[in-house]
Amino acid sequence: MKKNKTKTALLKKNSGFTLIEALIAMAIFAIGILAVGSMQLSTSKNNTTGNMTTQATMLARQKLEELKTVLDVTTLSAGSDANNPIDVDGNAGGIYTRQWNVANPLGTSTSRHITVTVSWDRRGQNRSVVLESITRGNGT
């Protein structure tokens, strides 16, 4: 009788994972890894979009500052870059289109309202950055 009890005790002590438990654990792990991979792709896409928006903002700011430094604001007029589309350095051959408009809302010869628009196409969507300023010329 004692021999039979030890055999049963040994069988009960076999603690391990069954095949079903291992498969369930692997499925849960796979779902977690897929979620992390999806987040990586989304983060990469958003970083690229943010980088392009920052570059467009810098191009608009550069042109706005250039137009604000003109000494005589009455000589300012609307226009666009001759090199359109431009790259991040303002050279021909990029994805950005830069345009500006100069208005005289007050009807005076001392100030102008400048609007600079930089636009580009990203994955079939048109995007743009618009900066506006009122200037009296000479950097003010």
Protein backbone atom coordinates (compact mmCIF):
# COMPACT_ATOMS: atom_id res chain seq x y z
CA MET A 1 0.00 0.00 0.00
CA LYS A 2 2.81 2.35 0.83
CA LYS A 3 4.40 1.82 -2.58
CA ASN A 4 1.17 2.86 -4.31
CA LYS A 5 0.99 6.13 -2.33
CA THR A 6 4.51 7.15 -3.34
CA LYS A 7 3.77 6.53 -6.99
CA THR A 8 0.67 8.72 -6.80
CA ALA A 9 2.56 11.41 -4.92
CA LEU A 10 5.25 11.46 -7.62
CA LEU A 11 2.64 11.85 -10.33
CA LYS A 12 1.05 14.78 -8.48
CA LYS A 13 4.41 16.50 -8.03
CA ASN A 14 4.93 16.81 -11.79
CA SER A 15 4.22 20.48 -11.93
CA GLY A 16 4.70 22.12 -15.32
CA PHE A 17 2.81 23.81 -18.07
CA THR A 18 0.43 22.01 -20.32
CA LEU A 19 0.44 22.57 -24.04
CA ILE A 20 -2.73 24.66 -23.85
CA GLU A 21 -1.24 26.94 -21.22
CA ALA A 22 1.88 27.45 -23.32
CA LEU A 23 -0.18 28.25 -26.45
CA ILE A 24 -2.32 30.76 -24.58
CA ALA A 25 0.77 32.47 -23.17
CA MET A 26 2.33 32.66 -26.65
CA ALA A 27 -0.88 34.14 -28.10
CA ILE A 28 -1.00 36.85 -25.41
CA PHE A 29 2.68 37.63 -25.99
CA ALA A 30 2.13 37.86 -29.78
CA ILE A 31 -0.76 40.29 -29.33
CA GLY A 32 1.41 42.47 -27.09
CA ILE A 33 4.28 42.48 -29.61
CA LEU A 34 1.88 43.45 -32.42
CA ALA A 35 0.60 46.37 -30.35
CA VAL A 36 4.16 47.59 -29.73
CA GLY A 37 4.96 47.28 -33.45
CA SER A 38 1.86 49.26 -34.34
CA MET A 39 2.85 52.02 -31.90
CA GLN A 40 6.33 52.16 -33.45
CA LEU A 41 4.89 52.70 -36.94
CA SER A 42 2.49 55.36 -35.69
CA THR A 43 5.25 57.18 -33.83
CA SER A 44 7.53 57.14 -36.85
CA LYS A 45 4.77 58.57 -39.07
CA ASN A 46 3.97 61.33 -36.59
CA ASN A 47 7.64 62.25 -36.19
CA THR A 48 7.99 62.62 -39.95
CA THR A 49 4.88 64.80 -40.13
CA GLY A 50 6.14 66.97 -37.28
CA ASN A 51 9.53 67.34 -38.94
CA MET A 52 7.96 68.46 -42.22
CA THR A 53 5.74 70.97 -40.43
CA THR A 54 8.73 72.40 -38.58
CA GLN A 55 10.69 72.75 -41.83
CA ALA A 56 7.74 74.50 -43.48
CA THR A 57 7.41 76.86 -40.52
CA MET A 58 11.10 77.74 -40.74
CA LEU A 59 10.77 78.46 -44.48
CA ALA A 60 7.78 80.74 -43.82
CA ARG A 61 9.57 82.49 -40.96
CA GLN A 62 12.66 83.05 -43.07
CA LYS A 63 10.65 84.75 -45.83
CA LEU A 64 8.59 86.76 -43.37
CA GLU A 65 11.73 88.12 -41.70
CA GLU A 66 13.22 88.90 -45.09
CA LEU A 67 10.13 90.89 -46.12
CA LYS A 68 10.03 92.72 -42.77
CA THR A 69 13.60 94.02 -43.22
CA VAL A 70 12.75 95.96 -46.40
CA LEU A 71 13.36 99.64 -45.69
CA ASP A 72 10.47 101.04 -47.75
CA VAL A 73 7.27 99.04 -47.18
CA THR A 74 5.62 100.65 -50.21
CA THR A 75 7.93 98.56 -52.43
CA LEU A 76 6.61 95.25 -51.03
CA SER A 77 4.36 93.19 -53.27
CA ALA A 78 2.83 89.73 -53.35
CA GLY A 79 4.77 86.92 -54.93
CA SER A 80 6.11 83.40 -54.79
CA ASP A 81 9.52 81.76 -54.91
CA ALA A 82 11.04 81.55 -58.37
CA ASN A 83 12.46 78.16 -57.38
CA ASN A 84 9.11 76.58 -56.36
CA PRO A 85 8.90 73.83 -55.30
CA ILE A 86 11.75 74.36 -52.86
CA ASP A 87 13.63 72.21 -50.36
CA VAL A 88 14.33 72.98 -46.70
CA ASP A 89 17.18 75.32 -47.65
CA GLY A 90 15.08 77.29 -50.16
CA ASN A 91 16.72 75.69 -53.19
CA ALA A 92 14.82 74.32 -56.17
CA GLY A 93 13.75 70.70 -56.22
CA GLY A 94 11.95 70.18 -52.91
CA ILE A 95 8.35 69.55 -51.89
CA TYR A 96 7.44 72.96 -50.45
CA THR A 97 5.72 75.82 -52.27
CA ARG A 98 6.22 79.25 -50.70
CA GLN A 99 3.99 82.24 -51.49
CA TRP A 100 3.39 85.58 -49.83
CA ASN A 101 0.79 88.29 -49.93
CA VAL A 102 1.21 91.94 -48.94
CA ALA A 103 -1.85 94.00 -48.05
CA ASN A 104 -2.42 97.55 -46.90
CA PRO A 105 -5.47 97.25 -44.63
CA LEU A 106 -4.99 100.67 -43.04
CA GLY A 107 -4.48 102.50 -46.32
CA THR A 108 -1.30 104.17 -45.11
CA SER A 109 2.22 104.31 -46.49
CA THR A 110 3.78 103.36 -43.16
CA SER A 111 2.75 99.73 -42.62
CA ARG A 112 1.87 96.51 -44.45
CA HIS A 113 0.19 93.25 -43.49
CA ILE A 114 2.30 90.31 -44.71
CA THR A 115 1.03 86.73 -45.02
CA VAL A 116 3.47 83.95 -45.93
CA THR A 117 2.10 80.52 -46.85
CA VAL A 118 4.19 77.38 -47.27
CA SER A 119 2.30 74.38 -48.58
CA TRP A 120 3.20 70.80 -49.44
CA ASP A 121 1.57 67.46 -50.22
CA ARG A 122 1.91 64.55 -47.78
CA ARG A 123 0.36 61.20 -48.61
CA GLY A 124 -2.26 62.76 -50.83
CA GLN A 125 -3.22 65.46 -48.32
CA ASN A 126 -2.46 69.12 -48.90
CA ARG A 127 -0.91 70.72 -45.85
CA SER A 128 0.16 74.28 -45.21
CA VAL A 129 1.67 76.66 -42.67
CA VAL A 130 0.58 80.31 -42.63
CA LEU A 131 2.45 83.08 -40.80
CA GLU A 132 1.20 86.66 -40.62
CA SER A 133 2.72 89.91 -39.42
CA ILE A 134 2.27 93.65 -39.65
CA THR A 135 5.43 95.56 -40.42
CA ARG A 136 6.59 99.13 -40.74
CA GLY A 137 9.73 97.98 -42.53
CA ASN A 138 13.33 98.02 -41.39
CA GLY A 139 12.79 94.90 -39.28
CA THR A 140 9.88 96.25 -37.22
